[in-house]
């Protein structure tokens, strides 16, 4: 699967499930990714202000951020 496709899938999950809150380990299991790739993709989405990381390390959708980001390679 292409990185752009995985990014779109992650964004789709967060758009379809308001309030979704995932730890890196939960995200890794949900999307079937290895740890390094998952961390890189989450970082791309944080940099794009689509996601935010909470103090306890969970990832949530950023309020007022973009609905989706333009696909780009993260790994």
N, C-alpha and C. Protein backbone atom coordinates (compact mmCIF):
# COMPACT_ATOMS: atom_id res chain seq x y z
N UNK A 1 0.85 -1.18 0.00
CA UNK A 1 0.00 0.00 0.00
C UNK A 1 0.89 1.24 0.00
N UNK A 2 0.52 2.23 -0.77
CA UNK A 2 1.30 3.46 -0.85
C UNK A 2 1.11 4.31 0.40
N UNK A 3 2.15 5.08 0.75
CA UNK A 3 2.12 5.94 1.92
C UNK A 3 0.95 6.93 1.82
N UNK A 4 0.72 7.48 0.64
CA UNK A 4 -0.37 8.44 0.45
C UNK A 4 -1.72 7.79 0.78
N UNK A 5 -1.87 6.53 0.39
CA UNK A 5 -3.12 5.81 0.68
C UNK A 5 -3.31 5.61 2.18
N UNK A 6 -2.21 5.30 2.87
CA UNK A 6 -2.29 5.10 4.32
C UNK A 6 -2.62 6.42 5.01
N UNK A 7 -2.00 7.52 4.56
CA UNK A 7 -2.31 8.83 5.14
C UNK A 7 -3.79 9.16 4.97
N UNK A 8 -4.32 8.90 3.79
CA UNK A 8 -5.74 9.16 3.54
C UNK A 8 -6.61 8.28 4.42
N UNK A 9 -6.22 7.04 4.63
CA UNK A 9 -6.99 6.14 5.49
C UNK A 9 -7.01 6.65 6.93
N UNK A 10 -5.85 7.07 7.42
CA UNK A 10 -5.76 7.60 8.79
C UNK A 10 -6.65 8.83 8.93
N UNK A 11 -6.53 9.75 7.98
CA UNK A 11 -7.36 10.95 8.03
C UNK A 11 -8.84 10.60 7.98
N UNK A 12 -9.19 9.65 7.13
CA UNK A 12 -10.59 9.23 7.02
C UNK A 12 -11.13 8.70 8.34
N UNK A 13 -10.31 7.92 9.04
CA UNK A 13 -10.74 7.39 10.34
C UNK A 13 -11.03 8.52 11.32
N UNK A 14 -10.14 9.51 11.37
CA UNK A 14 -10.33 10.63 12.29
C UNK A 14 -11.52 11.51 11.89
N UNK A 15 -11.77 11.66 10.59
CA UNK A 15 -12.91 12.47 10.13
C UNK A 15 -14.22 11.74 10.43
N UNK A 16 -14.24 10.43 10.20
CA UNK A 16 -15.46 9.65 10.38
C UNK A 16 -15.80 9.38 11.84
N UNK A 17 -14.80 9.44 12.71
CA UNK A 17 -15.02 9.15 14.13
C UNK A 17 -14.58 10.33 14.99
N UNK A 18 -15.42 11.37 15.08
CA UNK A 18 -15.05 12.51 15.92
C UNK A 18 -14.75 12.04 17.34
N UNK A 19 -13.72 12.61 17.92
CA UNK A 19 -13.34 12.22 19.27
C UNK A 19 -12.38 11.05 19.32
N UNK A 20 -12.00 10.51 18.15
CA UNK A 20 -11.05 9.41 18.14
C UNK A 20 -9.75 9.83 18.81
N UNK A 21 -9.27 8.99 19.69
CA UNK A 21 -8.07 9.27 20.48
C UNK A 21 -7.27 7.97 20.53
N UNK A 22 -6.08 8.00 19.92
CA UNK A 22 -5.28 6.79 19.82
C UNK A 22 -3.87 7.02 20.33
N UNK A 23 -3.36 6.07 21.08
CA UNK A 23 -1.95 6.08 21.44
C UNK A 23 -1.18 5.59 20.20
N UNK A 24 0.11 5.84 20.16
CA UNK A 24 0.88 5.32 19.02
C UNK A 24 0.75 3.79 18.87
N UNK A 25 0.75 3.07 19.97
CA UNK A 25 0.62 1.60 19.90
C UNK A 25 -0.75 1.20 19.34
N UNK A 26 -1.81 1.90 19.75
CA UNK A 26 -3.15 1.60 19.24
C UNK A 26 -3.23 1.91 17.74
N UNK A 27 -2.66 3.04 17.33
CA UNK A 27 -2.66 3.42 15.92
C UNK A 27 -1.91 2.38 15.09
N UNK A 28 -0.79 1.95 15.61
CA UNK A 28 0.03 0.95 14.92
C UNK A 28 -0.77 -0.34 14.70
N UNK A 29 -1.47 -0.79 15.73
CA UNK A 29 -2.28 -2.01 15.60
C UNK A 29 -3.47 -1.80 14.67
N UNK A 30 -4.16 -0.67 14.80
CA UNK A 30 -5.35 -0.40 14.00
C UNK A 30 -5.05 -0.41 12.51
N UNK A 31 -3.93 0.21 12.13
CA UNK A 31 -3.60 0.33 10.71
C UNK A 31 -2.58 -0.69 10.24
N UNK A 32 -2.15 -1.59 11.11
CA UNK A 32 -1.24 -2.66 10.71
C UNK A 32 0.11 -2.15 10.22
N UNK A 33 0.65 -1.15 10.92
CA UNK A 33 1.91 -0.53 10.52
C UNK A 33 3.03 -0.89 11.48
N UNK A 34 4.26 -0.86 10.98
CA UNK A 34 5.36 -1.03 11.93
C UNK A 34 5.56 0.29 12.68
N UNK A 35 6.24 0.21 13.80
CA UNK A 35 6.36 1.36 14.71
C UNK A 35 6.95 2.59 14.02
N UNK A 36 8.03 2.42 13.29
CA UNK A 36 8.71 3.56 12.67
C UNK A 36 7.81 4.26 11.65
N UNK A 37 7.18 3.50 10.78
CA UNK A 37 6.30 4.08 9.76
C UNK A 37 5.12 4.79 10.43
N UNK A 38 4.53 4.17 11.43
CA UNK A 38 3.40 4.77 12.12
C UNK A 38 3.80 6.11 12.75
N UNK A 39 4.94 6.13 13.42
CA UNK A 39 5.42 7.37 14.03
C UNK A 39 5.64 8.45 12.99
N UNK A 40 6.21 8.08 11.83
CA UNK A 40 6.45 9.05 10.77
C UNK A 40 5.14 9.62 10.22
N UNK A 41 4.16 8.76 10.01
CA UNK A 41 2.87 9.23 9.48
C UNK A 41 2.15 10.12 10.48
N UNK A 42 2.16 9.74 11.74
CA UNK A 42 1.53 10.59 12.76
C UNK A 42 2.24 11.94 12.84
N UNK A 43 3.54 11.93 12.71
CA UNK A 43 4.31 13.18 12.73
C UNK A 43 3.94 14.08 11.55
N UNK A 44 3.77 13.50 10.38
CA UNK A 44 3.36 14.27 9.20
C UNK A 44 2.01 14.94 9.46
N UNK A 45 1.08 14.20 10.06
CA UNK A 45 -0.25 14.74 10.33
C UNK A 45 -0.24 15.79 11.44
N UNK A 46 0.68 15.67 12.39
CA UNK A 46 0.83 16.71 13.41
C UNK A 46 1.43 17.96 12.78
N UNK A 47 2.46 17.79 11.95
CA UNK A 47 3.09 18.93 11.27
C UNK A 47 2.09 19.68 10.39
N UNK A 48 1.16 18.94 9.81
CA UNK A 48 0.13 19.54 8.95
C UNK A 48 -1.02 20.14 9.75
N UNK A 49 -0.94 19.99 11.07
CA UNK A 49 -1.97 20.49 11.99
C UNK A 49 -3.31 19.79 11.82
N UNK A 50 -3.26 18.57 11.28
CA UNK A 50 -4.46 17.74 11.21
C UNK A 50 -4.67 17.03 12.54
N UNK A 51 -3.56 16.57 13.16
CA UNK A 51 -3.61 15.93 14.46
C UNK A 51 -2.81 16.72 15.47
N UNK A 52 -3.13 16.50 16.74
CA UNK A 52 -2.36 17.03 17.86
C UNK A 52 -2.04 15.87 18.78
N UNK A 53 -0.92 16.00 19.50
CA UNK A 53 -0.57 14.97 20.47
C UNK A 53 -0.84 15.54 21.86
N UNK A 54 -1.56 14.76 22.66
CA UNK A 54 -1.91 15.19 24.01
C UNK A 54 -0.72 14.98 24.95
N UNK A 55 -0.83 15.51 26.15
CA UNK A 55 0.25 15.36 27.13
C UNK A 55 0.54 13.91 27.45
N UNK A 56 -0.49 13.06 27.38
CA UNK A 56 -0.26 11.65 27.68
C UNK A 56 0.15 10.84 26.45
N UNK A 57 0.39 11.51 25.33
CA UNK A 57 0.92 10.86 24.14
C UNK A 57 -0.09 10.39 23.12
N UNK A 58 -1.39 10.57 23.38
CA UNK A 58 -2.42 10.15 22.43
C UNK A 58 -2.53 11.17 21.29
N UNK A 59 -3.03 10.70 20.16
CA UNK A 59 -3.23 11.57 19.01
C UNK A 59 -4.72 11.82 18.82
N UNK A 60 -5.07 13.09 18.66
CA UNK A 60 -6.45 13.51 18.45
C UNK A 60 -6.49 14.46 17.26
N UNK A 61 -7.67 14.60 16.67
CA UNK A 61 -7.81 15.54 15.55
C UNK A 61 -7.77 16.96 16.10
N UNK A 62 -7.03 17.81 15.43
CA UNK A 62 -6.89 19.20 15.83
C UNK A 62 -8.17 19.96 15.50
N UNK A 63 -8.73 20.63 16.50
CA UNK A 63 -9.91 21.47 16.26
C UNK A 63 -9.53 22.64 15.37
N UNK A 64 -10.35 22.90 14.36
CA UNK A 64 -10.11 24.02 13.47
C UNK A 64 -9.04 23.75 12.44
N UNK A 65 -8.47 22.55 12.46
CA UNK A 65 -7.45 22.21 11.46
C UNK A 65 -8.09 21.82 10.15
N UNK A 66 -7.25 21.47 9.18
CA UNK A 66 -7.79 21.09 7.88
C UNK A 66 -8.60 19.80 7.98
N UNK A 67 -9.58 19.68 7.11
CA UNK A 67 -10.37 18.45 7.07
C UNK A 67 -9.49 17.31 6.56
N UNK A 68 -8.67 17.61 5.59
CA UNK A 68 -7.71 16.64 5.05
C UNK A 68 -6.49 17.42 4.58
N UNK A 69 -5.36 16.72 4.53
CA UNK A 69 -4.18 17.36 3.98
C UNK A 69 -3.90 16.77 2.61
N UNK A 70 -3.17 17.51 1.81
CA UNK A 70 -2.80 17.00 0.49
C UNK A 70 -1.84 15.84 0.67
N UNK A 71 -2.02 14.77 -0.05
CA UNK A 71 -1.12 13.63 0.10
C UNK A 71 0.30 14.00 -0.25
N UNK A 72 1.25 13.48 0.54
CA UNK A 72 2.67 13.62 0.24
C UNK A 72 3.40 12.47 0.90
N UNK A 73 4.56 12.19 0.43
CA UNK A 73 5.31 11.06 0.96
C UNK A 73 5.87 11.40 2.32
N UNK A 74 5.74 10.46 3.28
CA UNK A 74 6.22 10.70 4.64
C UNK A 74 7.39 9.81 5.00
N UNK A 75 7.57 8.77 4.28
CA UNK A 75 8.65 7.84 4.65
C UNK A 75 9.63 7.66 3.53
